[in-house]
N, C-alpha and C. Protein backbone atom coordinates (compact mmCIF):
# COMPACT_ATOMS: atom_id res chain seq x y z
N LYS A 1 110.13 97.06 100.77
CA LYS A 1 111.26 97.50 100.97
C LYS A 1 112.42 97.34 99.58
N LEU A 2 111.32 96.14 98.36
CA LEU A 2 112.05 96.37 96.96
C LEU A 2 111.94 98.41 96.32
N PHE A 3 110.47 98.62 97.26
CA PHE A 3 110.59 99.91 95.81
C PHE A 3 111.03 101.35 97.15
N GLY A 4 111.50 100.73 98.28
CA GLY A 4 112.25 101.79 98.56
C GLY A 4 111.06 102.70 99.92
N PHE A 5 109.79 101.93 99.42
CA PHE A 5 108.45 103.02 100.36
C PHE A 5 108.88 102.61 101.82
N THR A 6 108.49 104.19 102.38
CA THR A 6 108.66 104.10 103.63
C THR A 6 107.16 104.68 104.59
N ASP A 7 107.24 103.69 105.54
CA ASP A 7 106.62 104.15 106.59
C ASP A 7 104.73 103.09 106.04
N ARG A 8 105.56 102.27 105.13
CA ARG A 8 104.33 101.49 103.94
C ARG A 8 105.03 99.50 104.49
N GLY A 9 104.11 98.82 103.57
CA GLY A 9 104.08 96.97 104.20
C GLY A 9 103.72 96.38 104.52
N THR A 10 103.80 97.29 105.80
CA THR A 10 103.27 96.03 107.43
C THR A 10 101.70 97.00 107.99
N VAL A 11 101.37 96.06 108.55
CA VAL A 11 100.10 96.79 109.46
C VAL A 11 101.20 96.74 110.58
N GLU A 12 100.64 98.17 111.04
CA GLU A 12 101.83 98.57 112.53
C GLU A 12 101.09 100.18 112.59
N VAL A 13 100.88 100.91 113.84
CA VAL A 13 100.86 101.68 114.48
C VAL A 13 101.97 102.39 113.76
N GLY A 14 101.41 103.67 112.99
CA GLY A 14 102.24 105.09 112.30
C GLY A 14 102.41 104.80 110.63
N ASN A 15 101.96 103.41 110.20
CA ASN A 15 102.43 103.20 108.75
C ASN A 15 100.88 103.92 108.16
N HIS A 16 101.32 103.61 106.86
CA HIS A 16 99.95 103.84 106.26
C HIS A 16 98.56 102.81 105.83
N ALA A 17 97.56 102.98 106.19
CA ALA A 17 97.17 101.17 106.04
C ALA A 17 96.18 101.31 104.55
N ASP A 18 97.07 101.24 104.21
CA ASP A 18 96.93 100.67 102.22
C ASP A 18 96.44 98.79 102.90
N LEU A 19 95.36 98.56 102.45
CA LEU A 19 94.82 97.69 102.80
C LEU A 19 93.62 96.82 101.68
N ALA A 20 93.62 95.84 101.21
CA ALA A 20 92.96 95.41 100.87
C ALA A 20 92.17 93.67 101.34
N LEU A 21 90.38 93.41 101.10
CA LEU A 21 90.22 92.39 101.79
C LEU A 21 89.75 91.87 101.05
N PHE A 22 90.15 90.57 100.52
CA PHE A 22 89.52 90.06 98.74
C PHE A 22 89.56 88.09 99.63
N ASP A 23 88.48 88.25 98.88
CA ASP A 23 88.85 85.86 99.14
C ASP A 23 88.90 85.56 98.18
N PRO A 24 90.20 84.77 98.50
CA PRO A 24 91.12 84.49 97.75
C PRO A 24 90.37 82.83 96.62
N ASN A 25 89.21 82.79 97.21
CA ASN A 25 88.89 81.68 95.87
C ASN A 25 87.82 82.25 94.81
N THR A 26 87.50 83.58 94.87
CA THR A 26 87.27 84.42 94.12
C THR A 26 87.84 85.99 93.52
N VAL A 27 88.38 85.80 94.02
CA VAL A 27 89.56 87.49 93.95
C VAL A 27 90.36 86.80 91.57
N ASP A 28 89.36 87.49 91.22
CA ASP A 28 89.83 87.28 89.70
C ASP A 28 89.92 88.83 88.55
N SER A 29 90.08 88.45 87.34
CA SER A 29 89.37 90.23 86.88
C SER A 29 89.12 89.41 85.90
N GLY A 30 87.47 90.70 85.73
CA GLY A 30 86.52 90.93 84.43
C GLY A 30 87.09 90.49 82.94
N PRO A 31 85.85 90.66 82.20
CA PRO A 31 86.54 90.88 80.67
C PRO A 31 87.29 92.10 80.66
N ILE A 32 88.48 91.85 79.68
CA ILE A 32 89.28 92.31 79.47
C ILE A 32 88.73 93.73 78.00
N THR A 33 88.06 94.58 78.58
CA THR A 33 87.64 95.28 77.54
C THR A 33 88.76 97.19 77.03
N MET A 34 87.89 98.33 76.38
CA MET A 34 88.96 99.35 75.69
C MET A 34 88.35 100.33 76.98
N ARG A 35 88.57 100.85 76.79
CA ARG A 35 88.17 102.09 77.34
C ARG A 35 88.98 103.87 76.43
N SER A 36 88.20 104.41 76.82
CA SER A 36 88.83 106.14 76.39
C SER A 36 88.86 106.89 77.17
N ASP A 37 89.31 106.60 78.34
CA ASP A 37 88.61 107.75 78.75
C ASP A 37 90.04 108.23 79.72
N LEU A 38 91.78 108.28 78.68
CA LEU A 38 93.10 109.00 79.12
C LEU A 38 92.40 110.36 78.18
N PRO A 39 93.91 111.19 78.40
CA PRO A 39 93.99 112.43 77.64
C PRO A 39 93.16 112.79 76.21
N GLY A 40 92.92 113.22 76.07
CA GLY A 40 92.78 112.58 74.58
C GLY A 40 92.42 112.12 73.47
N GLY A 41 90.83 111.44 74.50
CA GLY A 41 90.83 109.98 74.50
C GLY A 41 92.07 109.26 73.49
N THR A 42 92.46 108.42 74.44
CA THR A 42 93.25 107.77 74.40
C THR A 42 92.95 106.20 74.83
N ASP A 43 92.82 105.71 74.10
CA ASP A 43 92.50 104.02 74.40
C ASP A 43 93.31 103.49 75.52
N ARG A 44 92.65 102.40 76.29
CA ARG A 44 93.70 101.53 77.50
C ARG A 44 93.07 100.30 77.14
N LEU A 45 92.98 99.49 77.99
CA LEU A 45 92.90 98.27 77.95
C LEU A 45 92.35 98.39 79.48
N PHE A 46 91.08 97.86 80.22
CA PHE A 46 90.64 97.14 81.08
C PHE A 46 89.83 96.12 81.49
N ALA A 47 90.39 96.41 82.69
CA ALA A 47 89.08 94.86 83.18
C ALA A 47 88.95 95.35 84.77
N GLU A 48 87.33 94.98 84.82
CA GLU A 48 86.98 95.59 86.31
C GLU A 48 87.51 94.32 87.48
N ALA A 49 87.44 94.67 88.76
CA ALA A 49 87.69 93.56 90.25
C ALA A 49 87.00 93.03 89.92
N GLU A 50 87.12 91.43 90.66
CA GLU A 50 86.16 90.59 91.45
C GLU A 50 86.78 90.08 91.64
N GLY A 51 85.34 89.94 93.12
CA GLY A 51 86.02 89.16 94.24
C GLY A 51 86.90 89.94 95.22
N ILE A 52 86.92 91.34 94.99
CA ILE A 52 87.83 92.00 96.46
C ILE A 52 86.51 92.47 96.75
N ALA A 53 86.23 92.76 98.03
CA ALA A 53 85.41 93.06 99.02
C ALA A 53 85.30 94.47 99.75
N GLU A 54 86.53 94.31 100.21
CA GLU A 54 86.72 95.96 100.51
C GLU A 54 88.41 96.79 100.28
N VAL A 55 88.92 97.61 100.16
CA VAL A 55 89.71 98.32 100.36
C VAL A 55 90.01 100.02 101.07
N TRP A 56 91.63 99.50 101.79
CA TRP A 56 91.34 101.15 102.26
C TRP A 56 92.49 101.59 101.45
N VAL A 57 92.71 102.94 101.82
CA VAL A 57 93.60 103.94 101.93
C VAL A 57 93.48 104.64 102.75
N ASN A 58 94.90 105.22 103.04
CA ASN A 58 95.74 105.79 104.67
C ASN A 58 94.40 105.42 105.86
N GLY A 59 93.79 104.53 105.70
CA GLY A 59 92.69 103.92 106.82
C GLY A 59 91.41 104.20 106.51
N THR A 60 91.00 104.85 105.47
CA THR A 60 90.22 105.43 104.76
C THR A 60 89.35 104.23 103.76
N SER A 61 87.99 103.91 103.66
CA SER A 61 87.07 102.45 102.82
C SER A 61 87.31 103.91 101.73
N VAL A 62 87.74 103.34 101.01
CA VAL A 62 87.70 103.73 98.57
C VAL A 62 86.65 102.84 98.10
N VAL A 63 86.87 101.04 98.92
CA VAL A 63 86.18 100.51 98.48
C VAL A 63 84.81 99.96 99.54
N ALA A 64 83.45 99.90 98.98
CA ALA A 64 82.53 98.75 100.04
C ALA A 64 81.89 97.97 99.56
N ASP A 65 81.75 97.24 99.63
CA ASP A 65 80.95 95.60 98.87
C ASP A 65 81.30 96.02 97.92
N GLY A 66 82.30 95.78 96.99
CA GLY A 66 83.53 96.08 96.27
C GLY A 66 82.58 97.28 95.52
N VAL A 67 82.19 98.34 95.90
CA VAL A 67 81.92 99.30 95.20
C VAL A 67 82.29 100.86 95.40
N PRO A 68 82.73 101.46 95.02
CA PRO A 68 83.84 102.79 95.34
C PRO A 68 83.12 103.50 95.72
N THR A 69 83.34 104.41 97.36
CA THR A 69 82.70 104.78 97.71
C THR A 69 83.18 106.68 97.21
N GLY A 70 83.66 106.86 97.04
CA GLY A 70 84.30 108.51 96.62
C GLY A 70 84.69 109.23 96.73
N ALA A 71 85.36 107.67 98.33
CA ALA A 71 86.54 109.22 99.36
C ALA A 71 88.10 108.83 97.97
N VAL A 72 89.43 109.96 97.79
CA VAL A 72 90.73 109.62 97.47
C VAL A 72 90.80 110.29 98.14
N PRO A 73 91.85 109.04 99.05
CA PRO A 73 92.94 109.69 100.67
C PRO A 73 94.12 109.61 99.66
N GLY A 74 94.47 109.46 98.77
CA GLY A 74 95.77 108.86 98.83
C GLY A 74 96.40 109.81 98.14
N THR A 75 98.26 109.73 98.05
CA THR A 75 98.79 110.82 98.04
C THR A 75 99.44 110.13 97.16
N LEU A 76 100.68 111.03 95.84
CA LEU A 76 100.94 110.96 94.72
C LEU A 76 102.52 110.77 95.65
N LEU A 77 103.36 109.36 95.56
CA LEU A 77 104.67 109.17 96.22
C LEU A 77 105.67 109.87 94.93
N ARG A 78 106.71 110.34 95.38
CA ARG A 78 107.29 110.67 94.69
C ARG A 78 108.84 110.36 94.81
N ALA A 79 109.54 109.75 93.95
CA ALA A 79 111.08 109.04 94.26
C ALA A 79 111.93 110.03 95.19
N GLY A 80 112.71 109.36 95.87
CA GLY A 80 113.11 110.66 96.56
C GLY A 80 113.40 111.10 98.12
N LEU A 81 111.76 111.61 97.54
CA LEU A 81 111.11 112.72 99.25
C LEU A 81 110.19 111.56 99.63
N ASP A 82 109.76 111.00 99.04
CA ASP A 82 108.92 109.47 100.18
C ASP A 82 109.16 108.10 99.71
N THR A 83 110.60 108.32 99.52
CA THR A 83 110.91 107.04 99.31
C THR A 83 112.74 106.39 99.52
N TYR A 84 113.25 105.80 100.04
CA TYR A 84 114.69 105.39 99.92
C TYR A 84 114.84 104.84 98.96
N THR A 85 116.47 104.32 98.69
CA THR A 85 117.24 103.67 97.63
C THR A 85 117.34 101.94 98.91
N PRO A 86 116.40 101.29 98.41
CA PRO A 86 117.53 100.08 98.84
C PRO A 86 118.69 99.62 98.72
N ASN A 87 118.82 99.22 99.47
CA ASN A 87 120.61 97.86 99.68
C ASN A 87 120.37 96.60 99.54
N PHE A 88 120.42 95.65 98.38
CA PHE A 88 120.26 94.95 98.89
C PHE A 88 121.73 93.83 98.45
N SER A 89 123.00 94.21 98.92
CA SER A 89 123.78 93.76 98.83
C SER A 89 124.53 92.97 100.06
């Protein structure tokens, strides 16, 4: 609700199934390293996820047993088209 996403945030029929399965006792980030994989060879900080068993995006497995599956089912969400303006008053 905070970001105004529609059809997300709860597990129910008709919603997008973006889920992560992890062990709360082992979930962590690995050591921080530098990667130069942005456009123009720009550096960025990176840390591997640890303790994440599986991740599903739109109901499709994108990480299984901690290894990326190669599937890329996600889509870019655009403000105003895929979101609403929350009213917190």
